[in-house]
Amino acid sequence: MPKLKTKSGAKKRFKVTGSGKIKRKKAYMNHILTKKETKQKRRLAQKTTVRKEDEGNIKAMLPYLV
């Protein structure tokens, strides 16, 4: 069986922690920031982990995790 290619979009968007969880950036932080509260922008700037239900799909896009 041939090697699987990594999805380059997923490669740029997700990182793996030491414990094996997958980190992601939050949405709504790219433009139209003037109308958003400072508190909301601080919260959106933080990284978060991917939900357990979505981990399988992301691991399929990143074959080096399997």
Protein backbone atom coordinates (compact mmCIF):
# COMPACT_ATOMS: atom_id res chain seq x y z
CA MET A 1 0.00 0.00 0.00
CA PRO A 2 1.40 3.47 -0.84
CA LYS A 3 2.23 6.06 1.75
CA LEU A 4 -0.62 8.41 2.65
CA LYS A 5 -0.13 12.08 1.98
CA THR A 6 -0.75 14.55 4.77
CA LYS A 7 -3.49 17.10 4.05
CA SER A 8 -1.53 20.34 3.86
CA GLY A 9 -4.45 22.41 5.19
CA ALA A 10 -4.66 20.25 8.31
CA LYS A 11 -0.89 20.30 8.71
CA LYS A 12 -1.01 24.10 8.95
CA ARG A 13 -3.99 24.27 11.32
CA PHE A 14 -3.38 21.58 13.94
CA LYS A 15 -0.56 20.75 16.36
CA VAL A 16 -0.20 17.74 18.61
CA THR A 17 0.54 18.12 22.32
CA GLY A 18 2.86 15.87 24.27
CA SER A 19 -0.08 13.90 25.65
CA GLY A 20 -1.45 13.29 22.15
CA LYS A 21 -4.27 15.83 22.16
CA ILE A 22 -4.75 18.06 19.13
CA LYS A 23 -4.60 21.84 19.49
CA ARG A 24 -6.45 24.27 17.24
CA LYS A 25 -7.01 27.99 16.85
CA LYS A 26 -10.42 29.49 17.56
CA ALA A 27 -12.55 31.05 14.84
CA TYR A 28 -13.76 34.69 14.46
CA MET A 29 -10.37 36.30 15.06
CA ASN A 30 -9.30 37.30 11.55
CA HIS A 31 -11.18 40.48 10.64
CA ILE A 32 -13.96 42.85 11.79
CA LEU A 33 -12.29 43.09 15.20
CA THR A 34 -13.32 46.67 15.99
CA LYS A 35 -16.83 45.72 17.01
CA LYS A 36 -15.71 42.83 19.24
CA GLU A 37 -15.11 43.37 22.94
CA THR A 38 -11.54 43.18 24.24
CA LYS A 39 -12.53 40.32 26.53
CA GLN A 40 -13.89 38.34 23.57
CA LYS A 41 -10.72 38.94 21.52
CA ARG A 42 -8.51 37.77 24.40
CA ARG A 43 -10.59 34.61 24.74
CA LEU A 44 -10.52 33.93 21.00
CA ALA A 45 -6.74 34.41 20.81
CA GLN A 46 -6.15 31.38 23.04
CA LYS A 47 -5.63 27.92 21.61
CA THR A 48 -7.98 25.09 22.54
CA THR A 49 -8.14 21.35 22.04
CA VAL A 50 -10.20 19.57 19.43
CA ARG A 51 -13.33 17.79 20.64
CA LYS A 52 -13.09 14.04 21.05
CA GLU A 53 -15.75 13.48 18.35
CA ASP A 54 -13.64 15.30 15.75
CA GLU A 55 -10.27 13.78 16.60
CA GLY A 56 -10.77 10.77 14.31
CA ASN A 57 -11.33 12.96 11.26
CA ILE A 58 -8.24 15.04 11.97
CA LYS A 59 -6.07 12.01 12.63
CA ALA A 60 -7.16 10.63 9.24
CA MET A 61 -5.89 13.85 7.61
CA LEU A 62 -2.57 13.61 9.49
CA PRO A 63 -1.31 10.05 8.89
CA TYR A 64 1.77 10.58 11.07
CA LEU A 65 -0.56 10.54 14.11
CA VAL A 66 -1.94 7.05 13.45
